[in-house]
C-alpha atoms as a PDB file:
ATOM      1  CA  MET A   1      -8.362  12.353  -0.816  1.00  0.00           C
ATOM      2  CA  ALA A   2      -5.631  11.431  -3.256  1.00  0.00           C
ATOM      3  CA  ALA A   3      -5.287   7.977  -4.744  1.00  0.00           C
ATOM      4  CA  PRO A   4      -2.264   5.846  -3.800  1.00  0.00           C
ATOM      5  CA  GLY A   5      -0.351   7.136  -6.858  1.00  0.00           C
ATOM      6  CA  GLY A   6      -0.851  10.729  -5.724  1.00  0.00           C
ATOM      7  CA  VAL A   7      -3.476  11.454  -8.386  1.00  0.00           C
ATOM      8  CA  ALA A   8      -6.878  12.617  -7.175  1.00  0.00           C
ATOM      9  CA  PRO A   9      -9.834  10.592  -8.517  1.00  0.00           C
ATOM     10  CA  ALA A  10     -12.310  12.229 -10.855  1.00  0.00           C
ATOM     11  CA  PRO A  11     -15.351  13.782  -9.162  1.00  0.00           C
ATOM     12  CA  GLY A  12     -17.914  11.119  -8.303  1.00  0.00           C
ATOM     13  CA  VAL A  13     -15.386   8.278  -8.664  1.00  0.00           C
ATOM     14  CA  ARG A  14     -14.565   6.301  -5.539  1.00  0.00           C
ATOM     15  CA  ILE A  15     -11.362   4.315  -5.182  1.00  0.00           C
ATOM     16  CA  VAL A  16     -12.072   0.643  -4.354  1.00  0.00           C
ATOM     17  CA  SER A  17     -11.119   0.298  -0.716  1.00  0.00           C
ATOM     18  CA  VAL A  18     -10.834  -3.493  -0.353  1.00  0.00           C
ATOM     19  CA  PRO A  19      -7.559  -4.645  -1.945  1.00  0.00           C
ATOM     20  CA  PRO A  20      -7.993  -7.024  -4.914  1.00  0.00           C
ATOM     21  CA  ASP A  21      -5.760  -9.682  -3.320  1.00  0.00           C
ATOM     22  CA  LEU A  22      -8.032  -9.725  -0.251  1.00  0.00           C
ATOM     23  CA  LEU A  23     -11.155  -9.958  -2.444  1.00  0.00           C
ATOM     24  CA  GLU A  24      -9.675 -13.068  -4.079  1.00  0.00           C
ATOM     25  CA  ILE A  25      -9.494 -14.987  -0.782  1.00  0.00           C
ATOM     26  CA  LEU A  26     -12.631 -13.748   0.994  1.00  0.00           C
ATOM     27  CA  VAL A  27     -15.582 -16.149   1.078  1.00  0.00           C
ATOM     28  CA  CYS A  28     -18.951 -16.084   2.781  1.00  0.00           C
ATOM     29  CA  PRO A  29     -18.424 -17.037   6.446  1.00  0.00           C
ATOM     30  CA  LYS A  30     -21.759 -18.886   6.485  1.00  0.00           C
ATOM     31  CA  CYS A  31     -21.538 -21.134   3.388  1.00  0.00           C
ATOM     32  CA  LYS A  32     -17.895 -20.609   2.306  1.00  0.00           C
ATOM     33  CA  GLY A  33     -19.195 -19.634  -1.140  1.00  0.00           C
ATOM     34  CA  PRO A  34     -18.030 -16.821  -3.453  1.00  0.00           C
ATOM     35  CA  LEU A  35     -18.831 -13.173  -2.817  1.00  0.00           C
ATOM     36  CA  GLU A  36     -19.782 -10.457  -5.294  1.00  0.00           C
ATOM     37  CA  HIS A  37     -17.999  -7.150  -4.688  1.00  0.00           C
ATOM     38  CA  ARG A  38     -20.388  -4.211  -5.083  1.00  0.00           C
ATOM     39  CA  THR A  39     -19.182  -0.637  -5.101  1.00  0.00           C
ATOM     40  CA  ALA A  40     -22.474   1.227  -5.576  1.00  0.00           C
ATOM     41  CA  PRO A  41     -24.547   2.608  -3.988  1.00  0.00           C
ATOM     42  CA  GLU A  42     -22.212   1.692  -1.121  1.00  0.00           C
ATOM     43  CA  GLU A  43     -19.384  -0.803  -0.974  1.00  0.00           C
ATOM     44  CA  ALA A  44     -20.465  -4.282   0.138  1.00  0.00           C
ATOM     45  CA  LEU A  45     -19.787  -7.986  -0.342  1.00  0.00           C
ATOM     46  CA  VAL A  46     -22.784 -10.081  -1.391  1.00  0.00           C
ATOM     47  CA  CYS A  47     -23.399 -13.814  -1.017  1.00  0.00           C
ATOM     48  CA  HIS A  48     -26.160 -14.837  -3.426  1.00  0.00           C
ATOM     49  CA  ALA A  49     -26.426 -18.374  -1.997  1.00  0.00           C
ATOM     50  CA  CYS A  50     -27.173 -17.139   1.541  1.00  0.00           C
ATOM     51  CA  ARG A  51     -28.819 -13.906   0.357  1.00  0.00           C
ATOM     52  CA  LEU A  52     -26.641 -11.872   2.725  1.00  0.00           C
ATOM     53  CA  ILE A  53     -24.928  -8.509   2.270  1.00  0.00           C
ATOM     54  CA  TYR A  54     -21.757  -7.851   4.262  1.00  0.00           C
ATOM     55  CA  ALA A  55     -20.951  -4.160   4.729  1.00  0.00           C
ATOM     56  CA  VAL A  56     -17.549  -2.569   4.206  1.00  0.00           C
ATOM     57  CA  GLU A  57     -16.874   0.137   6.803  1.00  0.00           C
ATOM     58  CA  ASP A  58     -13.727   2.285   6.796  1.00  0.00           C
ATOM     59  CA  ASP A  59     -12.175  -0.036   4.183  1.00  0.00           C
ATOM     60  CA  ILE A  60     -12.758  -3.104   6.404  1.00  0.00           C
ATOM     61  CA  PRO A  61     -15.171  -5.890   5.348  1.00  0.00           C
ATOM     62  CA  ILE A  62     -17.499  -6.730   8.241  1.00  0.00           C
ATOM     63  CA  MET A  63     -17.660 -10.508   7.817  1.00  0.00           C
ATOM     64  CA  LEU A  64     -19.910 -11.291  10.796  1.00  0.00           C
ATOM     65  CA  ILE A  65     -23.019 -13.309   9.972  1.00  0.00           C
ATOM     66  CA  ASP A  66     -25.025 -11.545  12.686  1.00  0.00           C
ATOM     67  CA  GLU A  67     -24.123  -8.133  11.204  1.00  0.00           C
ATOM     68  CA  ALA A  68     -25.023  -9.043   7.604  1.00  0.00           C
ATOM     69  CA  LYS A  69     -28.265  -7.827   6.027  1.00  0.00           C
ATOM     70  CA  HIS A  70     -30.714 -10.191   4.307  1.00  0.00           C
ATOM     71  CA  PHE A  71     -32.013  -9.368   0.820  1.00  0.00           C
END
């Protein structure tokens, strides 16, 4: 899959799927606190205060508390 500029990423490099402007406004739906954006081993948004991991599936953050994983 080619990057938005038409240049293919290097092997093993994944393009960040959640746009940076969306990452700036997303907060944890449970505590309204900040989220850490992780890209490896799979893309996810992490709330350290609630100890929840929100998955990103098909470039869409799944921000449902009931779907989040505890860590």
